[in-house]
Protein backbone atom coordinates (compact mmCIF):
# COMPACT_ATOMS: atom_id res chain seq x y z
CA MET A 1 85.33 109.57 84.74
CA ALA A 2 88.00 109.08 87.23
CA TYR A 3 88.67 105.30 87.95
CA ALA A 4 86.48 104.55 90.87
CA ASP A 5 89.14 102.09 92.26
CA LEU A 6 92.19 100.14 91.65
CA ARG A 7 90.09 96.96 90.02
CA GLU A 8 88.81 99.45 87.59
CA PHE A 9 92.47 100.49 86.67
CA VAL A 10 93.10 96.77 86.43
CA LYS A 11 90.30 96.14 84.03
CA ARG A 12 91.64 99.35 81.75
CA LEU A 13 95.17 97.87 81.85
CA GLU A 14 94.03 94.46 80.67
CA LYS A 15 91.92 95.85 77.95
CA GLU A 16 95.00 97.80 76.76
CA GLY A 17 97.00 94.80 76.66
CA GLU A 18 99.15 96.18 79.48
CA LEU A 19 98.42 93.24 82.05
CA LYS A 20 99.17 89.61 82.18
CA ARG A 21 97.47 87.29 84.51
CA ILE A 22 99.59 84.44 86.35
CA ARG A 23 97.31 81.56 87.56
CA ALA A 24 100.48 79.21 88.87
CA GLU A 25 100.84 79.37 92.53
CA VAL A 26 103.95 81.48 93.06
CA ASP A 27 105.53 82.23 96.58
CA PRO A 28 105.59 85.95 97.58
CA VAL A 29 108.77 85.12 99.44
CA LEU A 30 111.57 85.73 96.65
CA GLU A 31 109.84 83.74 93.90
CA ILE A 32 107.31 86.67 92.87
CA ALA A 33 110.08 89.22 92.84
CA GLU A 34 112.26 87.11 90.62
CA VAL A 35 109.33 86.67 88.41
CA ALA A 36 109.16 90.49 88.19
CA GLN A 37 112.63 90.89 87.44
CA ARG A 38 113.13 88.49 84.75
CA VAL A 39 110.01 90.20 82.97
CA ALA A 40 111.29 93.51 83.52
CA ARG A 41 114.69 92.54 81.72
CA ASP A 42 113.15 90.75 78.91
CA ALA A 43 114.74 92.09 75.76
CA LYS A 44 111.48 91.75 74.06
CA ARG A 45 109.43 94.02 76.40
CA ALA A 46 108.18 97.29 74.96
CA PRO A 47 110.17 100.12 75.07
CA ASN A 48 109.72 102.69 77.81
CA SER A 49 108.63 100.08 80.35
CA VAL A 50 109.84 97.10 82.44
CA GLY A 51 107.49 94.53 80.69
CA PRO A 52 103.51 94.31 81.73
CA ALA A 53 101.67 94.65 84.96
CA LEU A 54 101.41 91.46 86.62
CA LEU A 55 98.28 90.02 88.46
CA PHE A 56 99.26 86.94 90.47
CA GLU A 57 95.98 85.27 91.11
CA ARG A 58 97.25 82.44 93.50
CA PRO A 59 100.12 83.78 95.66
CA LYS A 60 101.38 80.96 97.72
CA GLY A 61 100.03 81.01 101.43
CA SER A 62 97.21 83.76 100.70
CA ARG A 63 93.71 83.80 99.45
CA HIS A 64 94.36 87.29 97.84
CA PRO A 65 95.52 88.28 94.36
CA LEU A 66 98.52 90.36 94.28
CA LEU A 67 99.18 93.17 91.40
CA ILE A 68 102.79 94.19 90.79
CA ASN A 69 104.38 96.44 88.07
CA ALA A 70 100.94 98.51 87.47
CA PHE A 71 102.93 101.64 86.93
CA GLY A 72 106.05 100.13 85.15
CA GLY A 73 106.06 102.17 81.86
CA VAL A 74 105.52 105.49 80.37
CA ARG A 75 102.21 104.54 78.78
CA ARG A 76 100.79 102.81 82.00
CA MET A 77 101.74 106.11 83.80
CA ALA A 78 99.78 108.10 81.29
CA LEU A 79 97.10 105.58 81.67
CA ALA A 80 97.17 106.01 85.43
CA PHE A 81 96.36 109.64 85.17
CA GLU A 82 93.96 109.31 82.19
CA VAL A 83 95.77 111.36 79.56
CA GLU A 84 97.41 110.48 76.33
CA ASP A 85 100.64 112.02 77.38
CA LEU A 86 102.23 113.16 80.70
CA ASP A 87 102.49 116.71 79.34
CA GLU A 88 98.94 117.00 79.56
CA VAL A 89 98.86 116.72 83.40
CA ALA A 90 102.10 119.16 83.35
CA ALA A 91 99.83 121.63 81.17
CA ARG A 92 97.03 121.46 83.85
CA ILE A 93 99.39 122.19 86.77
CA ARG A 94 100.85 125.09 84.79
CA GLY A 95 97.33 126.29 84.03
CA PHE A 96 96.67 126.74 87.75
CA LEU A 97 100.21 128.23 88.74
CA ALA A 98 99.70 130.77 86.22
CA MET A 99 96.54 132.00 87.91
CA GLU A 100 97.33 135.80 88.98
CA THR A 101 95.50 138.05 91.29
CA PRO A 102 92.60 139.53 89.39
CA GLN A 103 92.90 143.28 89.01
CA GLY A 104 89.54 143.99 87.96
CA LEU A 105 86.05 142.86 87.54
CA PHE A 106 86.66 141.26 84.19
CA ASP A 107 89.56 139.37 85.41
CA LYS A 108 87.69 138.24 88.39
CA ILE A 109 84.81 136.76 86.30
CA LYS A 110 87.49 135.08 83.97
CA MET A 111 88.85 133.36 86.98
CA LEU A 112 85.61 132.12 88.29
CA PRO A 113 85.64 128.79 86.39
CA LYS A 114 89.01 127.71 87.55
CA LEU A 115 88.35 128.71 91.19
CA ALA A 116 85.00 126.57 90.89
CA GLU A 117 87.15 123.80 89.50
CA LEU A 118 89.78 123.88 92.10
CA GLY A 119 87.06 123.95 94.91
CA SER A 120 85.51 120.50 93.57
CA PHE A 121 88.88 118.63 94.20
CA PHE A 122 88.53 118.90 97.88
CA PRO A 123 88.19 115.48 99.80
CA ARG A 124 84.73 114.69 100.46
CA SER A 125 83.83 112.94 103.61
CA VAL A 126 81.73 109.95 103.53
CA LYS A 127 80.11 107.60 106.34
CA SER A 128 81.29 104.12 104.88
CA GLY A 129 82.86 102.86 101.89
CA ALA A 130 84.09 99.52 100.00
CA CYS A 131 86.96 99.35 102.27
CA LYS A 132 84.77 98.41 105.07
CA GLU A 133 83.08 95.29 103.57
CA VAL A 134 85.29 93.44 106.02
CA ILE A 135 86.44 94.40 109.45
CA GLN A 136 88.95 92.59 111.57
CA LYS A 137 90.05 93.43 115.00
CA GLY A 138 92.28 92.23 117.82
CA SER A 139 93.22 88.31 117.55
CA ASP A 140 91.34 88.30 114.23
CA VAL A 141 94.21 90.57 112.60
CA ASN A 142 96.86 88.74 110.72
CA LEU A 143 99.29 90.60 108.30
CA PHE A 144 100.30 87.14 107.06
CA ASP A 145 96.76 86.66 105.40
CA PHE A 146 98.16 89.19 102.65
CA PRO A 147 100.93 88.13 100.36
CA ILE A 148 103.25 90.44 101.48
CA LEU A 149 106.78 90.19 99.66
CA LYS A 150 110.05 89.14 100.66
CA CYS A 151 111.98 90.76 97.49
CA TRP A 152 115.71 89.93 98.24
CA PRO A 153 117.63 86.85 99.87
CA GLN A 154 119.23 89.22 102.64
CA ASP A 155 116.03 91.20 103.20
CA GLY A 156 115.40 91.38 107.03
CA GLY A 157 111.84 89.97 106.49
CA ARG A 158 108.47 90.68 104.29
CA PHE A 159 108.19 94.36 103.46
CA ILE A 160 104.88 96.48 102.58
CA THR A 161 106.26 98.45 99.76
CA PHE A 162 103.42 100.22 98.34
CA PRO A 163 101.60 101.73 101.36
CA LEU A 164 99.93 104.91 101.88
CA VAL A 165 100.57 106.23 105.41
CA PHE A 166 98.17 108.56 107.19
CA THR A 167 99.16 110.82 110.09
CA ARG A 168 98.41 114.04 111.47
CA ASN A 169 100.52 117.00 112.32
CA PRO A 170 100.42 116.75 116.15
CA GLU A 171 100.36 120.53 116.40
CA SER A 172 98.26 121.79 113.57
CA GLY A 173 96.22 118.80 112.90
CA LYS A 174 96.89 118.81 109.10
CA ARG A 175 97.06 115.34 107.45
CA ASN A 176 99.81 113.98 105.80
CA VAL A 177 100.18 111.32 103.49
CA GLY A 178 103.64 109.54 103.00
CA MET A 179 105.12 106.22 101.19
CA TYR A 180 107.44 104.46 103.64
CA ARG A 181 108.21 100.60 103.29
CA MET A 182 107.18 98.59 106.49
CA GLN A 183 109.02 95.64 107.61
CA VAL A 184 106.52 92.85 108.91
CA TYR A 185 107.78 91.65 112.43
CA ASP A 186 104.59 89.43 113.34
CA GLU A 187 100.94 89.25 112.84
CA ARG A 188 100.13 92.58 114.13
CA THR A 189 103.37 94.59 114.16
CA THR A 190 105.45 96.54 111.55
CA GLY A 191 108.40 98.72 111.15
CA MET A 192 107.73 102.24 110.13
CA HIS A 193 110.67 103.57 108.03
CA TRP A 194 110.39 107.17 108.56
CA GLN A 195 113.46 108.63 107.35
CA THR A 196 114.92 111.70 109.29
CA GLN A 197 113.77 114.19 106.62
CA LYS A 198 110.07 112.82 106.00
CA HIS A 199 106.95 114.41 107.53
CA GLY A 200 106.14 111.18 109.28
CA ALA A 201 109.32 111.53 111.26
CA GLU A 202 108.69 115.06 111.96
CA HIS A 203 105.31 114.28 113.31
CA PHE A 204 106.81 111.56 115.37
CA ARG A 205 109.55 113.93 116.93
CA ARG A 206 106.96 116.78 117.46
CA ALA A 207 104.76 114.41 119.39
CA LYS A 208 107.37 112.92 121.12
CA ALA A 209 108.41 116.33 122.61
CA LYS A 210 105.13 116.68 123.92
CA ASP A 211 104.46 113.25 125.28
CA PRO A 212 107.59 111.07 125.46
CA GLU A 213 105.77 107.77 126.80
CA GLY A 214 102.34 108.58 124.33
CA ARG A 215 101.40 107.17 120.99
CA ILE A 216 100.19 108.70 117.70
CA PRO A 217 97.36 107.16 115.53
CA VAL A 218 98.50 105.96 112.02
CA SER A 219 96.24 104.53 109.27
CA VAL A 220 97.82 102.59 106.21
CA VAL A 221 96.13 102.16 102.99
CA ILE A 222 97.28 99.31 100.31
CA GLY A 223 95.69 99.59 96.85
CA ALA A 224 93.44 102.57 95.72
CA ASP A 225 92.55 104.41 92.34
CA PRO A 226 95.94 105.02 90.63
CA ALA A 227 96.19 108.77 91.46
CA THR A 228 95.12 108.33 94.95
CA ALA A 229 97.77 105.27 95.34
CA LEU A 230 100.65 107.64 94.11
CA ALA A 231 99.58 110.44 96.16
CA GLY A 232 102.20 109.56 98.88
CA MET A 233 104.95 109.85 96.53
CA LEU A 234 104.35 113.14 95.00
CA PRO A 235 106.64 116.31 95.78
CA ILE A 236 103.78 118.75 96.36
CA PRO A 237 104.33 121.69 98.92
CA PRO A 238 103.97 120.73 102.58
CA ASP A 239 100.77 123.04 103.15
CA LEU A 240 98.90 121.32 100.19
CA ASP A 241 96.69 118.24 101.16
CA GLU A 242 97.80 114.94 99.18
CA MET A 243 94.08 114.02 98.79
CA MET A 244 93.13 117.24 97.29
CA PHE A 245 95.82 117.16 94.89
CA ALA A 246 94.76 113.41 94.26
CA GLY A 247 91.63 114.81 93.38
CA PHE A 248 93.08 117.37 91.20
CA LEU A 249 94.89 114.62 89.13
CA ARG A 250 91.51 112.53 88.78
CA ARG A 251 89.36 115.41 88.22
CA GLU A 252 86.95 114.02 90.92
CA PRO A 253 87.16 114.65 94.67
CA VAL A 254 88.55 111.56 96.81
CA GLU A 255 85.96 110.02 98.88
CA MET A 256 87.18 109.74 102.46
CA ALA A 257 85.76 107.44 105.09
CA PRO A 258 86.24 107.54 108.79
CA CYS A 259 88.67 104.70 110.48
CA GLU A 260 87.22 102.37 112.86
CA THR A 261 89.63 102.88 115.84
CA ASN A 262 91.27 106.37 115.42
CA ASP A 263 89.99 109.79 114.03
CA LEU A 264 92.00 109.52 110.69
CA GLU A 265 89.92 109.22 107.50
CA VAL A 266 91.12 107.07 104.63
CA PRO A 267 90.08 106.71 100.98
CA ALA A 268 86.73 105.01 100.90
CA ASN A 269 87.40 103.04 97.78
CA ALA A 270 90.78 101.36 99.37
CA GLU A 271 91.57 97.64 98.84
CA ILE A 272 93.05 97.13 102.49
CA VAL A 273 93.20 99.45 105.64
CA LEU A 274 95.38 98.76 108.68
CA GLU A 275 94.57 100.95 111.58
CA GLY A 276 96.87 101.30 114.44
CA TYR A 277 99.37 103.60 116.24
CA VAL A 278 103.05 104.18 116.69
CA SER A 279 104.39 104.18 120.20
CA LEU A 280 106.78 107.25 120.87
CA ASN A 281 108.94 105.37 123.27
CA GLU A 282 109.67 102.24 121.16
CA MET A 283 112.20 101.62 118.40
CA ARG A 284 112.95 98.47 116.68
CA THR A 285 115.78 97.10 114.35
CA GLU A 286 114.35 97.61 110.59
CA GLY A 287 116.20 95.85 107.76
CA PRO A 288 118.28 94.96 105.74
CA PHE A 289 116.50 95.84 102.55
CA GLY A 290 117.20 95.46 99.02
CA ASP A 291 116.51 99.01 97.88
CA HIS A 292 116.37 100.95 94.73
CA THR A 293 119.87 102.02 94.92
CA GLY A 294 120.73 98.49 93.63
CA PHE A 295 122.32 97.63 97.09
CA TYR A 296 121.01 96.67 100.48
CA SER A 297 120.23 99.37 102.82
CA LEU A 298 121.51 98.70 106.16
CA GLU A 299 119.79 97.73 109.44
CA GLY A 300 118.75 100.90 111.48
CA GLU A 301 116.28 101.75 114.38
CA TYR A 302 112.95 102.94 113.47
CA PRO A 303 109.64 103.25 115.01
CA ALA A 304 107.11 100.39 115.37
CA PHE A 305 103.56 100.30 113.90
CA HIS A 306 100.84 98.20 116.01
CA VAL A 307 97.98 97.06 113.72
CA GLU A 308 94.60 97.10 115.81
CA CYS A 309 92.15 96.52 113.05
CA VAL A 310 92.29 95.76 109.41
CA THR A 311 89.42 96.70 107.14
CA ARG A 312 89.14 95.49 103.49
CA ARG A 313 87.07 94.75 100.53
CA LYS A 314 85.60 91.02 100.35
CA GLU A 315 88.13 90.28 97.82
CA PRO A 316 90.87 92.65 98.05
CA ILE A 317 93.89 93.13 95.54
CA TYR A 318 97.19 93.50 97.31
CA LEU A 319 99.03 96.35 95.68
CA THR A 320 102.80 95.90 95.70
CA THR A 321 106.20 96.60 94.08
CA VAL A 322 109.63 95.38 93.77
CA VAL A 323 112.77 97.89 94.47
CA GLY A 324 116.12 96.96 93.31
CA PRO A 325 118.83 97.28 90.51
CA PRO A 326 117.52 100.01 88.16
CA PRO A 327 115.34 100.44 85.97
CA GLN A 328 112.35 99.15 88.08
CA GLU A 329 108.84 100.14 88.33
CA ASP A 330 109.68 102.96 90.57
CA PHE A 331 111.74 104.60 87.95
CA TYR A 332 108.69 105.31 85.70
CA MET A 333 106.78 106.30 88.64
CA GLY A 334 109.77 108.96 89.14
CA TYR A 335 109.84 109.80 85.58
CA ALA A 336 106.07 110.65 85.73
CA VAL A 337 106.89 113.04 88.70
CA GLU A 338 109.75 114.51 86.94
CA ARG A 339 107.64 115.37 83.80
CA VAL A 340 104.66 116.45 85.52
CA PHE A 341 106.40 118.74 88.02
CA LEU A 342 108.87 120.25 85.54
CA PRO A 343 106.29 123.37 85.35
CA VAL A 344 106.42 123.81 89.11
CA MET A 345 110.33 124.30 88.91
CA LYS A 346 110.27 126.14 85.96
CA MET A 347 107.89 128.71 87.44
CA GLN A 348 110.54 129.13 90.34
CA TYR A 349 113.27 129.32 87.90
CA PRO A 350 112.18 130.03 84.73
CA GLU A 351 115.64 129.86 83.00
CA ILE A 352 115.46 126.03 83.33
CA VAL A 353 114.40 124.52 79.93
CA ASP A 354 114.32 120.87 81.00
CA VAL A 355 115.45 118.23 83.57
CA ALA A 356 116.49 114.73 83.33
CA MET A 357 117.17 112.08 85.95
CA PRO A 358 118.53 108.95 84.31
CA ALA A 359 117.21 105.65 85.99
CA GLU A 360 121.03 104.75 86.72
CA GLY A 361 121.00 107.78 88.96
CA ILE A 362 118.38 106.33 90.97
CA PHE A 363 116.43 109.71 91.51
CA HIS A 364 119.05 111.23 93.84
CA ASN A 365 122.37 110.56 92.49
CA LEU A 366 122.12 112.57 89.18
CA MET A 367 120.11 115.17 87.94
CA ILE A 368 120.96 116.99 84.43
CA VAL A 369 119.64 120.50 84.02
CA ALA A 370 119.37 122.66 80.95
CA ILE A 371 119.34 126.21 81.22
CA ARG A 372 118.98 129.30 79.01
CA LYS A 373 122.32 131.14 80.24
CA SER A 374 121.95 134.75 81.15
CA TYR A 375 124.87 136.02 83.29
CA PRO A 376 128.03 134.77 84.78
CA GLY A 377 127.90 131.92 87.28
CA HIS A 378 124.22 131.38 86.24
CA ALA A 379 124.95 127.53 86.30
CA ARG A 380 126.13 127.50 89.92
CA LYS A 381 123.23 129.58 91.00
CA ILE A 382 120.65 127.08 89.48
CA MET A 383 122.77 124.31 91.46
CA ASN A 384 122.33 126.10 94.83
CA ALA A 385 118.76 126.52 94.09
CA ILE A 386 118.10 122.74 93.33
CA TRP A 387 119.66 121.94 96.45
CA SER A 388 117.03 124.24 98.34
CA LEU A 389 114.14 122.30 96.72
CA GLY A 390 112.34 119.90 99.01
CA GLN A 391 113.56 116.19 98.19
CA ALA A 392 115.80 117.79 95.46
CA MET A 393 118.13 118.77 98.41
CA PHE A 394 119.37 115.06 98.22
CA THR A 395 120.81 115.13 94.72
CA LYS A 396 124.35 113.92 94.78
CA VAL A 397 125.49 115.25 91.20
CA ILE A 398 123.94 117.98 89.37
CA VAL A 399 125.16 118.70 85.68
CA VAL A 400 124.09 121.96 84.37
CA VAL A 401 124.32 122.34 80.58
CA ASP A 402 123.05 125.08 77.82
CA HIS A 403 119.56 125.15 76.65
CA ASP A 404 120.55 123.45 73.19
CA VAL A 405 121.96 120.14 74.74
CA ASN A 406 119.32 117.34 74.44
CA ILE A 407 119.49 116.10 78.13
CA HIS A 408 117.45 113.10 77.24
CA ASN A 409 120.22 111.74 75.01
CA TYR A 410 122.68 110.69 77.41
CA SER A 411 125.51 110.19 74.80
CA GLU A 412 125.13 113.86 73.86
CA VAL A 413 125.13 114.92 77.48
CA VAL A 414 128.43 113.09 78.08
CA TRP A 415 130.12 114.31 75.05
CA LYS A 416 129.01 117.91 75.57
CA THR A 417 129.59 117.84 78.96
CA LEU A 418 133.32 116.41 78.87
CA CYS A 419 134.04 118.85 76.12
CA ALA A 420 132.98 121.94 78.07
CA LEU A 421 134.62 120.83 81.36
CA ASP A 422 137.83 122.22 83.22
CA PRO A 423 137.37 120.06 86.08
CA GLU A 424 139.26 122.35 88.63
CA ARG A 425 137.27 125.54 87.33
CA ASP A 426 133.89 123.95 86.85
CA VAL A 427 133.39 121.45 89.58
CA GLN A 428 131.77 122.70 92.92
CA PHE A 429 131.32 121.04 96.03
CA SER A 430 128.78 121.55 98.85
CA LEU A 431 127.87 119.99 102.03
CA GLY A 432 124.28 119.21 103.25
CA PRO A 433 121.65 116.67 103.95
CA MET A 434 121.96 113.43 102.08
CA ASP A 435 119.20 110.56 101.35
CA THR A 436 119.16 108.16 104.43
CA LEU A 437 119.57 105.38 101.77
CA ASP A 438 122.85 106.56 100.68
CA HIS A 439 125.46 104.27 101.86
CA ALA A 440 128.51 106.18 100.54
CA ALA A 441 127.74 109.30 102.69
CA ARG A 442 130.27 109.93 105.33
CA MET A 443 127.28 109.47 107.98
CA GLN A 444 123.68 108.76 107.75
CA ASP A 445 121.86 111.70 106.33
CA PHE A 446 124.87 114.02 105.96
CA GLY A 447 127.59 114.30 103.19
CA SER A 448 128.84 115.93 100.17
CA LYS A 449 127.37 116.92 96.78
CA MET A 450 128.86 117.95 93.50
CA GLY A 451 127.65 120.39 90.88
CA ILE A 452 129.28 120.57 87.29
CA ASP A 453 129.08 123.65 85.21
CA ALA A 454 129.11 122.09 81.76
CA THR A 455 127.71 125.32 79.96
CA ARG A 456 129.80 127.29 77.54
CA LYS A 457 132.03 129.77 79.20
CA TRP A 458 131.90 133.41 78.71
CA VAL A 459 134.34 136.42 78.84
CA SER A 460 132.87 137.51 81.84
CA GLU A 461 133.29 134.35 83.55
CA GLY A 462 137.26 134.84 82.99
CA PHE A 463 137.33 132.76 80.04
CA THR A 464 139.29 134.59 77.29
CA ARG A 465 139.93 131.95 74.56
CA PRO A 466 137.38 131.86 71.73
CA TRP A 467 134.58 128.90 72.22
CA PRO A 468 134.43 126.87 69.02
CA ASP A 469 131.33 126.04 67.06
CA GLU A 470 129.65 122.54 67.10
CA ILE A 471 130.55 120.83 63.87
CA LEU A 472 127.13 120.72 61.66
CA MET A 473 126.27 120.27 57.98
CA ASP A 474 124.90 123.05 56.47
CA GLU A 475 121.13 122.96 55.34
CA VAL A 476 122.00 123.45 51.64
CA THR A 477 123.88 120.35 51.18
CA LYS A 478 121.39 118.18 53.52
CA LYS A 479 118.74 119.45 51.00
CA ARG A 480 120.59 118.27 48.51
CA ILE A 481 121.57 114.87 49.58
CA ASP A 482 117.82 114.35 50.50
CA ALA A 483 117.06 114.73 46.97
CA LEU A 484 119.68 112.29 45.89
CA TRP A 485 119.16 109.71 48.68
CA LYS A 486 116.77 107.17 46.82
CA SER A 487 119.11 107.14 43.51
CA LEU A 488 122.12 106.00 45.61
CA LEU A 489 120.16 103.04 46.72
CA LEU A 490 121.86 102.87 50.28
CA ASP A 491 118.50 101.61 51.83
CA LYS A 492 118.31 98.38 49.73
CA ALA A 493 119.78 95.29 51.49
């Protein structure tokens, strides 16, 4: 059974020893972020996590509890998707990707169960839901009722950091769900950080081309069952509905309820829903913001979101996250995406054996790729292919190694990369789109990228010298020492 909502996930985390309740009053302005940072950097924390999930029961200035670091670990990401290992999700995706056009009656019959299962994931419209237990409109709307964080001293204000932003393509009417930070300007207005390459920004541009003085409806969800809450950050194809894919992940359709003041639908199990609009002729200064790069992203001009209505549960949980110097909670969310969507990348490029994005690379700065090399220039083909894949186009540095390199052992990667590298021969530069948050780019959204071919070089690539073998002990000697090991008494203190 899928999690019914966020609070059911909280119960599971607590049962599994993955959550700590904080009953002391702590201020959402800087203090909660500092607590989360100290927990994340505690040397005693469990491996593969940034400390436990934290439920602040008494955030200063708010009656609503705050949940942070809910996804800050490999185990918690597996719990979020209700699997023992993230590879199980990857296997399900691989299974559907492997479906081929049936050739005969027997093949069609074999496909029926998969097609029926796929059909069961489509979102289901319902008249109402728990998200409408309380409805506030007009002057009753006050965003500061919620414990919205200010994370870092130079932040431009408080920011909603874990929203699901619902819009529709103004031409096709297709729903899009994205995750964009929102700076709170006052009780009923926020910024909408629609970066140039994001779908929300594209909807804004298309609508403005039709009616420069108009507005577009927007609804924002804060807190839902984990698969739905994560849907806004998943790199799915643009023609695939995020809510349908959330249904696939949770193995049950997402129930969608109509909004009160616009024609959008939102998850009926949501904790908080902000309904409103973005004016197409209004831009406001947004930022600075302490970002996942470990540096402040600078001020910029972005659309403004006007909140006309808030619907919520009677006692909602405010879901949020801190971004900052890596690793943070967002690293484990990104790691899960990396593992779960690897089959998609491998299906397009089957020569790819594995991919790793170290925490210090903050997603877009470094990608390590292991390939099964088959022809001259193969590594460079993969570099260019990755730079053409969705959000992977922002990858600043790509390192391509041979299939037998353990790319999750960064010491091995550095060693073998540097030993395989002739810098003039093996480094390739390219110009193209860059992440808006990359403060080192020569201009916003545009700059250079680097690819490093750290594979063994072949004669057909112009390398005529012999390539040496790696130093490895022979198996006979290793087995002989295995048999002698206990008698050597080396394990005793």
